[in-house]
Amino acid sequence: MPFVLVHGGGFDRRCWSPLIPLLDREVYAVDLPGRGATAGDLASVTIADFADSVADEIVDRDLHDVVLVGHSLAGITLPGVAERVEHRLRSLVFLSCSIPAPGTSVLDMFG
């Protein structure tokens, strides 16, 4: 049961570095497009691009029974990943995530 860790806005996979050594299983921390080692233009990247990137990572590594963990702005990415690779996921963990109400955006949450 591997963990796939998804960072929030303004971060990259390194934000998970303090946690990874404490986990006793396979762990993959991803960089979303435009962050860290993953190419992407932050001016044009979309939530769908984020979800595609994480789903591709799961498929490319042939991961199954994945615990998908996200924090902060990853709250809007995880549902898209679940739509793409639902059959490969065991559970989703939303850790202090931004989750806008239906019909609203993350920006609406901040007034």
C-alpha atoms as a PDB file:
ATOM      1  CA  MET A   1       0.000   0.000   0.000  1.00  0.00           C
ATOM      2  CA  PRO A   2       2.122   2.931  -1.254  1.00  0.00           C
ATOM      3  CA  PHE A   3       1.615   6.560  -0.345  1.00  0.00           C
ATOM      4  CA  VAL A   4       1.558   9.213  -3.069  1.00  0.00           C
ATOM      5  CA  LEU A   5       2.018  12.672  -1.573  1.00  0.00           C
ATOM      6  CA  VAL A   6       0.772  15.789  -3.372  1.00  0.00           C
ATOM      7  CA  HIS A   7       1.985  19.227  -2.304  1.00  0.00           C
ATOM      8  CA  GLY A   8      -0.086  22.379  -2.196  1.00  0.00           C
ATOM      9  CA  GLY A   9       0.299  25.719  -3.942  1.00  0.00           C
ATOM     10  CA  GLY A  10       3.619  27.477  -3.571  1.00  0.00           C
ATOM     11  CA  PHE A  11       5.410  24.255  -2.617  1.00  0.00           C
ATOM     12  CA  ASP A  12       7.053  21.311  -4.306  1.00  0.00           C
ATOM     13  CA  ARG A  13       7.666  17.711  -3.244  1.00  0.00           C
ATOM     14  CA  ARG A  14      10.380  18.764  -0.784  1.00  0.00           C
ATOM     15  CA  CYS A  15       7.730  19.951   1.678  1.00  0.00           C
ATOM     16  CA  TRP A  16       7.140  16.258   2.471  1.00  0.00           C
ATOM     17  CA  SER A  17      10.833  15.590   3.287  1.00  0.00           C
ATOM     18  CA  PRO A  18      10.412  15.654   7.101  1.00  0.00           C
ATOM     19  CA  LEU A  19       7.549  13.134   6.911  1.00  0.00           C
ATOM     20  CA  ILE A  20       8.905  10.608   4.421  1.00  0.00           C
ATOM     21  CA  PRO A  21      11.515   8.989   6.727  1.00  0.00           C
ATOM     22  CA  LEU A  22       8.777   8.360   9.307  1.00  0.00           C
ATOM     23  CA  LEU A  23       6.619   6.308   6.955  1.00  0.00           C
ATOM     24  CA  ASP A  24       7.146   2.558   6.884  1.00  0.00           C
ATOM     25  CA  ARG A  25       6.096   1.902   3.300  1.00  0.00           C
ATOM     26  CA  GLU A  26       6.706   2.901  -0.308  1.00  0.00           C
ATOM     27  CA  VAL A  27       6.358   6.684  -0.642  1.00  0.00           C
ATOM     28  CA  TYR A  28       6.307   8.884  -3.723  1.00  0.00           C
ATOM     29  CA  ALA A  29       6.199  12.655  -3.364  1.00  0.00           C
ATOM     30  CA  VAL A  30       5.332  14.281  -6.680  1.00  0.00           C
ATOM     31  CA  ASP A  31       6.107  17.681  -8.145  1.00  0.00           C
ATOM     32  CA  LEU A  32       3.100  19.219  -9.842  1.00  0.00           C
ATOM     33  CA  PRO A  33       3.641  20.910 -13.239  1.00  0.00           C
ATOM     34  CA  GLY A  34       5.591  24.128 -12.882  1.00  0.00           C
ATOM     35  CA  ARG A  35       7.061  23.125  -9.524  1.00  0.00           C
ATOM     36  CA  GLY A  36      10.336  21.477  -8.563  1.00  0.00           C
ATOM     37  CA  ALA A  37      11.605  19.078 -11.219  1.00  0.00           C
ATOM     38  CA  THR A  38       8.396  19.044 -13.302  1.00  0.00           C
ATOM     39  CA  ALA A  39       8.216  21.419 -16.247  1.00  0.00           C
ATOM     40  CA  GLY A  40       5.176  23.629 -16.674  1.00  0.00           C
ATOM     41  CA  ASP A  41       4.157  27.235 -17.161  1.00  0.00           C
ATOM     42  CA  LEU A  42       2.428  28.389 -13.980  1.00  0.00           C
ATOM     43  CA  ALA A  43       0.642  31.101 -15.973  1.00  0.00           C
ATOM     44  CA  SER A  44      -1.247  28.517 -18.027  1.00  0.00           C
ATOM     45  CA  VAL A  45      -1.229  25.258 -16.045  1.00  0.00           C
ATOM     46  CA  THR A  46      -4.669  24.002 -14.993  1.00  0.00           C
ATOM     47  CA  ILE A  47      -6.135  21.859 -12.242  1.00  0.00           C
ATOM     48  CA  ALA A  48      -6.669  19.189 -14.905  1.00  0.00           C
ATOM     49  CA  ASP A  49      -2.928  19.337 -15.687  1.00  0.00           C
ATOM     50  CA  PHE A  50      -2.202  18.748 -12.002  1.00  0.00           C
ATOM     51  CA  ALA A  51      -4.580  15.781 -11.828  1.00  0.00           C
ATOM     52  CA  ASP A  52      -3.205  14.317 -15.073  1.00  0.00           C
ATOM     53  CA  SER A  53       0.342  14.625 -13.762  1.00  0.00           C
ATOM     54  CA  VAL A  54      -0.388  12.758 -10.509  1.00  0.00           C
ATOM     55  CA  ALA A  55      -2.487  10.107 -12.280  1.00  0.00           C
ATOM     56  CA  ASP A  56       0.308   9.582 -14.817  1.00  0.00           C
ATOM     57  CA  GLU A  57       2.796   9.113 -11.974  1.00  0.00           C
ATOM     58  CA  ILE A  58       0.588   6.424 -10.443  1.00  0.00           C
ATOM     59  CA  VAL A  59       0.109   4.629 -13.772  1.00  0.00           C
ATOM     60  CA  ASP A  60       3.744   4.976 -14.888  1.00  0.00           C
ATOM     61  CA  ARG A  61       4.926   3.426 -11.621  1.00  0.00           C
ATOM     62  CA  ASP A  62       2.178   0.775 -11.886  1.00  0.00           C
ATOM     63  CA  LEU A  63       0.993   1.570  -8.365  1.00  0.00           C
ATOM     64  CA  HIS A  64      -2.115  -0.054  -6.898  1.00  0.00           C
ATOM     65  CA  ASP A  65      -3.889   0.229  -3.557  1.00  0.00           C
ATOM     66  CA  VAL A  66      -2.538   3.786  -3.267  1.00  0.00           C
ATOM     67  CA  VAL A  67      -3.169   6.066  -0.318  1.00  0.00           C
ATOM     68  CA  LEU A  68      -3.280   9.464  -2.005  1.00  0.00           C
ATOM     69  CA  VAL A  69      -2.421  12.294   0.395  1.00  0.00           C
ATOM     70  CA  GLY A  70      -2.677  15.985  -0.348  1.00  0.00           C
ATOM     71  CA  HIS A  71      -2.416  19.185   1.633  1.00  0.00           C
ATOM     72  CA  SER A  72      -3.464  22.773   1.119  1.00  0.00           C
ATOM     73  CA  LEU A  73      -4.314  23.500  -2.510  1.00  0.00           C
ATOM     74  CA  ALA A  74      -4.029  19.787  -3.333  1.00  0.00           C
ATOM     75  CA  GLY A  75      -7.626  19.619  -2.116  1.00  0.00           C
ATOM     76  CA  ILE A  76      -8.678  20.636  -5.621  1.00  0.00           C
ATOM     77  CA  THR A  77      -6.292  18.172  -7.299  1.00  0.00           C
ATOM     78  CA  LEU A  78      -7.115  14.939  -5.452  1.00  0.00           C
ATOM     79  CA  PRO A  79     -10.707  14.581  -6.739  1.00  0.00           C
ATOM     80  CA  GLY A  80      -9.447  14.869 -10.328  1.00  0.00           C
ATOM     81  CA  VAL A  81      -6.852  12.178  -9.703  1.00  0.00           C
ATOM     82  CA  ALA A  82      -9.557   9.948  -8.223  1.00  0.00           C
ATOM     83  CA  GLU A  83     -11.671  10.381 -11.362  1.00  0.00           C
ATOM     84  CA  ARG A  84      -8.764   9.274 -13.529  1.00  0.00           C
ATOM     85  CA  VAL A  85      -7.387   6.295 -11.560  1.00  0.00           C
ATOM     86  CA  GLU A  86     -10.112   5.363  -9.079  1.00  0.00           C
ATOM     87  CA  HIS A  87      -9.390   1.640  -9.498  1.00  0.00           C
ATOM     88  CA  ARG A  88      -5.793   2.158  -8.292  1.00  0.00           C
ATOM     89  CA  LEU A  89      -6.677   4.051  -5.100  1.00  0.00           C
ATOM     90  CA  ARG A  90      -7.389   2.688  -1.630  1.00  0.00           C
ATOM     91  CA  SER A  91      -8.158   6.043  -0.025  1.00  0.00           C
ATOM     92  CA  LEU A  92      -7.745   9.790  -0.247  1.00  0.00           C
ATOM     93  CA  VAL A  93      -6.437  11.833   2.664  1.00  0.00           C
ATOM     94  CA  PHE A  94      -7.123  15.571   2.673  1.00  0.00           C
ATOM     95  CA  LEU A  95      -4.667  17.180   5.100  1.00  0.00           C
ATOM     96  CA  SER A  96      -5.655  20.769   5.915  1.00  0.00           C
ATOM     97  CA  CYS A  97      -6.913  21.213   2.350  1.00  0.00           C
ATOM     98  CA  SER A  98      -8.679  23.969   0.515  1.00  0.00           C
ATOM     99  CA  ILE A  99     -12.000  22.480  -0.605  1.00  0.00           C
ATOM    100  CA  PRO A 100     -14.365  25.031  -2.106  1.00  0.00           C
ATOM    101  CA  ALA A 101     -18.128  24.516  -1.960  1.00  0.00           C
ATOM    102  CA  PRO A 102     -19.786  23.333  -5.186  1.00  0.00           C
ATOM    103  CA  GLY A 103     -20.046  26.161  -7.687  1.00  0.00           C
ATOM    104  CA  THR A 104     -17.303  28.224  -6.036  1.00  0.00           C
ATOM    105  CA  SER A 105     -13.561  28.529  -6.412  1.00  0.00           C
ATOM    106  CA  VAL A 106     -10.645  28.536  -4.007  1.00  0.00           C
ATOM    107  CA  LEU A 107     -10.459  32.309  -4.469  1.00  0.00           C
ATOM    108  CA  ASP A 108     -14.064  32.613  -3.270  1.00  0.00           C
ATOM    109  CA  MET A 109     -12.998  30.984   0.006  1.00  0.00           C
ATOM    110  CA  PHE A 110     -10.743  33.927   0.772  1.00  0.00           C
ATOM    111  CA  GLY A 111     -13.346  36.635   0.122  1.00  0.00           C
END
